[in-house]
Protein backbone atom coordinates (compact mmCIF):
# COMPACT_ATOMS: atom_id res chain seq x y z
CA UNK A 1 2.85 -16.04 -57.09
CA UNK A 2 5.70 -18.54 -55.21
CA UNK A 3 7.25 -14.98 -54.20
CA UNK A 4 4.24 -13.75 -52.99
CA UNK A 5 2.88 -16.29 -51.04
CA UNK A 6 6.47 -16.48 -48.90
CA UNK A 7 6.36 -12.20 -48.65
CA UNK A 8 2.55 -12.54 -46.88
CA UNK A 9 3.37 -15.28 -44.76
CA UNK A 10 6.60 -13.19 -43.46
CA UNK A 11 4.89 -10.12 -42.90
CA UNK A 12 2.12 -12.55 -40.69
CA UNK A 13 4.62 -13.52 -38.96
CA UNK A 14 7.07 -10.58 -38.21
CA UNK A 15 3.52 -8.13 -37.80
CA UNK A 16 2.56 -10.75 -34.92
CA UNK A 17 5.84 -10.95 -33.42
CA UNK A 18 6.27 -7.42 -33.09
CA UNK A 19 1.99 -7.62 -31.46
CA UNK A 20 2.83 -10.17 -28.85
CA UNK A 21 6.53 -7.79 -28.20
CA UNK A 22 4.31 -4.74 -28.51
CA UNK A 23 2.08 -6.15 -25.69
CA UNK A 24 4.51 -7.19 -23.41
CA UNK A 25 6.13 -3.84 -23.27
CA UNK A 26 2.47 -2.17 -22.61
CA UNK A 27 2.27 -5.21 -19.62
CA UNK A 28 5.34 -4.67 -17.79
CA UNK A 29 4.98 -1.30 -16.61
CA UNK A 30 1.25 -2.26 -14.78
CA UNK A 31 2.99 -4.94 -12.94
CA UNK A 32 5.35 -2.99 -11.31
CA UNK A 33 2.02 -0.56 -10.34
CA UNK A 34 0.27 -3.37 -8.40
CA UNK A 35 0.58 -2.53 -4.59
CA UNK A 36 0.58 -5.20 -2.09
CA UNK A 37 -3.11 -6.15 -0.49
CA UNK A 38 -3.31 -6.22 2.98
CA UNK A 39 -4.88 -9.54 4.43
CA UNK A 40 -6.58 -10.31 6.97
CA UNK A 41 -4.47 -11.90 9.10
CA UNK A 42 -2.81 -8.51 8.96
CA UNK A 43 -0.79 -7.53 12.56
CA UNK A 44 -2.90 -4.48 14.82
CA UNK A 45 0.11 -2.39 14.33
CA UNK A 46 -0.38 -1.80 10.45
CA UNK A 47 -3.94 -1.32 10.90
CA UNK A 48 -3.61 1.16 13.61
CA UNK A 49 -0.77 3.04 12.20
CA UNK A 50 -3.28 4.37 9.15
CA UNK A 51 -6.15 5.87 12.11
CA UNK A 52 -5.53 9.58 11.78
CA UNK A 53 -5.08 10.85 15.65
CA UNK A 54 -7.14 13.88 15.86
CA UNK A 55 -4.80 15.61 19.12
CA UNK A 56 -1.79 15.57 16.76
CA UNK A 57 -2.57 15.89 13.28
CA UNK A 58 -2.06 18.84 11.11
CA UNK A 59 -4.44 20.83 9.06
CA UNK A 60 -3.40 19.37 6.05
CA UNK A 61 -2.87 15.60 7.22
CA UNK A 62 -7.34 16.34 8.34
CA UNK A 63 -7.94 17.21 4.73
CA UNK A 64 -5.97 14.72 3.00
CA UNK A 65 -7.10 11.99 4.76
CA UNK A 66 -10.58 12.05 5.52
CA UNK A 67 -13.83 12.36 3.40
CA UNK A 68 -15.42 15.57 3.02
CA UNK A 69 -13.07 17.87 5.65
CA UNK A 70 -11.72 20.55 2.82
CA UNK A 71 -9.20 22.72 3.77
CA UNK A 72 -11.21 24.87 6.25
CA UNK A 73 -12.61 22.41 7.93
CA UNK A 74 -9.31 21.10 8.76
CA UNK A 75 -8.18 24.43 10.14
CA UNK A 76 -11.28 24.86 11.94
CA UNK A 77 -10.52 21.32 13.97
CA UNK A 78 -6.35 22.39 14.42
CA UNK A 79 -8.36 25.94 15.80
CA UNK A 80 -10.61 24.20 17.68
CA UNK A 81 -7.71 21.55 19.43
CA UNK A 82 -5.85 24.95 20.29
CA UNK A 83 -8.29 26.83 21.96
CA UNK A 84 -10.03 23.92 24.05
CA UNK A 85 -7.02 21.44 24.10
CA UNK A 86 -6.94 17.66 23.42
CA UNK A 87 -10.01 15.67 22.14
CA UNK A 88 -11.05 13.39 24.53
CA UNK A 89 -12.77 11.22 22.51
CA UNK A 90 -13.50 11.03 18.62
CA UNK A 91 -17.65 12.41 19.25
CA UNK A 92 -15.94 15.72 19.96
CA UNK A 93 -15.24 16.23 16.73
CA UNK A 94 -18.98 17.20 16.60
CA UNK A 95 -18.12 20.26 18.72
CA UNK A 96 -16.34 21.95 15.82
CA UNK A 97 -18.32 23.76 13.47
CA UNK A 98 -18.83 22.34 10.03
CA UNK A 99 -18.73 19.07 11.06
CA UNK A 100 -21.48 16.80 11.39
CA UNK A 101 -22.96 13.62 12.44
CA UNK A 102 -22.76 12.23 8.72
CA UNK A 103 -19.14 13.41 8.37
CA UNK A 104 -17.99 11.85 11.82
CA UNK A 105 -19.67 8.66 10.62
CA UNK A 106 -17.77 8.29 6.94
CA UNK A 107 -14.58 8.70 8.81
CA UNK A 108 -14.98 7.07 12.46
CA UNK A 109 -12.81 4.16 11.26
CA UNK A 110 -10.18 6.77 10.55
CA UNK A 111 -10.02 8.19 13.47
CA UNK A 112 -8.04 8.21 16.83
CA UNK A 113 -7.29 9.81 19.91
CA UNK A 114 -4.23 8.79 20.92
């Protein structure tokens, strides 16, 4: 009887230890994937660098960074810029076929012309 009791206690301890090690190993990779969060006191240059320049961005960048802009619209933006010259303001994006006010408003904060 005493052997059974010791075996049961030993099994419970080993199972608990195994579970703790397993949980610690699965938590470690998640900690490595955490990305730093930009604070409100971040320099203006860091915030500006995330904007997409309508006058220099290629179609791949436009497609990747802008909401509601797929491959066709991104290519239309580049074609418009090639045919008409640089955008004078972000609002000039409305002149591109396929870009409407809703798309512009979704992306206004991401866009620049400098």
